[in-house]
Amino acid sequence: MTTDLDAEKGRQIRLIPLVPGAWLVILGGGVMVLGPLFGFLIGTVHGTERDTLGVSPIFLFLLLGFLVAGIGLGIALLGLRRILRNRTTTTD
């Protein structure tokens, strides 16, 4: 009787971890995409009847969303820099 726990059967699995900086790229890309969307959503929830700091809330919160997206872009670029600096050649 064979079980799935036999180490000698089947092919060997080699786990390769993500390169340093990959999670920063993923997180920064997510923030970069979702920042303006949430800014527009919050601006539309506040409505256009009242002015905040002399401008429409949609414009204000969308601008803040673009600023958050810029921060996300910075995080993604830092992760990309870390990936490029830690490149190693793999030889099998």
Protein backbone atom coordinates (compact mmCIF):
# COMPACT_ATOMS: atom_id res chain seq x y z
CA MET A 1 0.00 0.00 0.00
CA THR A 2 1.43 3.34 -1.00
CA THR A 3 0.60 6.70 0.47
CA ASP A 4 1.02 10.24 -0.76
CA LEU A 5 3.58 10.83 1.97
CA ASP A 6 6.27 8.65 0.39
CA ALA A 7 9.21 10.96 -0.28
CA GLU A 8 10.79 8.62 -2.79
CA LYS A 9 7.85 8.59 -5.20
CA GLY A 10 7.07 11.35 -7.68
CA ARG A 11 9.11 14.33 -8.70
CA GLN A 12 10.90 16.53 -6.24
CA ILE A 13 9.48 20.00 -5.62
CA ARG A 14 11.87 22.90 -5.20
CA LEU A 15 10.30 26.00 -3.70
CA ILE A 16 11.74 29.27 -4.92
CA PRO A 17 10.98 32.33 -2.77
CA LEU A 18 10.01 35.66 -4.27
CA VAL A 19 12.83 38.06 -4.94
CA PRO A 20 13.27 40.85 -2.38
CA GLY A 21 11.12 43.78 -3.40
CA ALA A 22 8.38 41.84 -5.19
CA TRP A 23 5.83 42.51 -2.47
CA LEU A 24 6.65 46.22 -2.58
CA VAL A 25 5.93 46.26 -6.32
CA ILE A 26 2.63 44.43 -5.79
CA LEU A 27 1.58 46.68 -2.90
CA GLY A 28 2.64 49.87 -4.68
CA GLY A 29 0.82 48.85 -7.86
CA GLY A 30 -2.36 48.16 -5.90
CA VAL A 31 -2.21 51.50 -4.11
CA MET A 32 -1.44 53.23 -7.41
CA VAL A 33 -4.53 51.77 -9.06
CA LEU A 34 -6.96 52.05 -6.15
CA GLY A 35 -5.97 55.52 -4.87
CA PRO A 36 -7.77 57.61 -7.51
CA LEU A 37 -10.75 55.25 -7.53
CA PHE A 38 -11.31 55.61 -3.80
CA GLY A 39 -10.69 59.35 -4.05
CA PHE A 40 -13.41 59.68 -6.66
CA LEU A 41 -15.72 57.45 -4.60
CA ILE A 42 -15.27 59.50 -1.43
CA GLY A 43 -15.74 62.72 -3.41
CA THR A 44 -19.01 61.54 -4.90
CA VAL A 45 -20.26 60.41 -1.49
CA HIS A 46 -19.72 63.93 -0.15
CA GLY A 47 -21.66 65.36 -3.09
CA THR A 48 -21.31 68.58 -5.05
CA GLU A 49 -23.65 70.81 -3.05
CA ARG A 50 -21.14 72.03 -0.49
CA ASP A 51 -17.67 73.41 -1.09
CA THR A 52 -14.63 72.21 0.82
CA LEU A 53 -11.77 74.70 0.86
CA GLY A 54 -13.46 76.56 -2.00
CA VAL A 55 -13.54 73.63 -4.43
CA SER A 56 -15.87 70.75 -5.18
CA PRO A 57 -15.36 67.70 -2.95
CA ILE A 58 -15.08 65.47 -6.02
CA PHE A 59 -12.14 67.49 -7.29
CA LEU A 60 -10.51 67.70 -3.86
CA PHE A 61 -10.71 64.00 -3.03
CA LEU A 62 -9.75 62.96 -6.56
CA LEU A 63 -6.66 65.15 -6.23
CA LEU A 64 -5.88 63.48 -2.90
CA GLY A 65 -6.38 60.10 -4.59
CA PHE A 66 -3.82 61.06 -7.24
CA LEU A 67 -1.38 62.05 -4.49
CA VAL A 68 -1.89 58.66 -2.84
CA ALA A 69 -1.31 57.05 -6.26
CA GLY A 70 1.97 58.96 -6.50
CA ILE A 71 3.01 57.51 -3.16
CA GLY A 72 2.09 54.05 -4.47
CA LEU A 73 4.22 54.68 -7.55
CA GLY A 74 7.13 55.60 -5.29
CA ILE A 75 6.70 52.38 -3.31
CA ALA A 76 6.58 50.34 -6.53
CA LEU A 77 9.73 52.04 -7.82
CA LEU A 78 11.53 51.32 -4.55
CA GLY A 79 10.56 47.67 -4.88
CA LEU A 80 11.76 47.62 -8.49
CA ARG A 81 15.05 49.16 -7.41
CA ARG A 82 15.44 46.48 -4.75
CA ILE A 83 14.69 43.76 -7.33
CA LEU A 84 17.26 45.14 -9.75
CA ARG A 85 19.93 45.52 -7.08
CA ASN A 86 19.50 41.99 -5.76
CA ARG A 87 19.59 40.23 -9.11
CA THR A 88 21.64 37.09 -9.08
CA THR A 89 22.34 34.73 -11.91
CA THR A 90 21.07 31.24 -11.31
CA THR A 91 22.86 28.30 -12.79
CA ASP A 92 21.48 24.80 -12.60
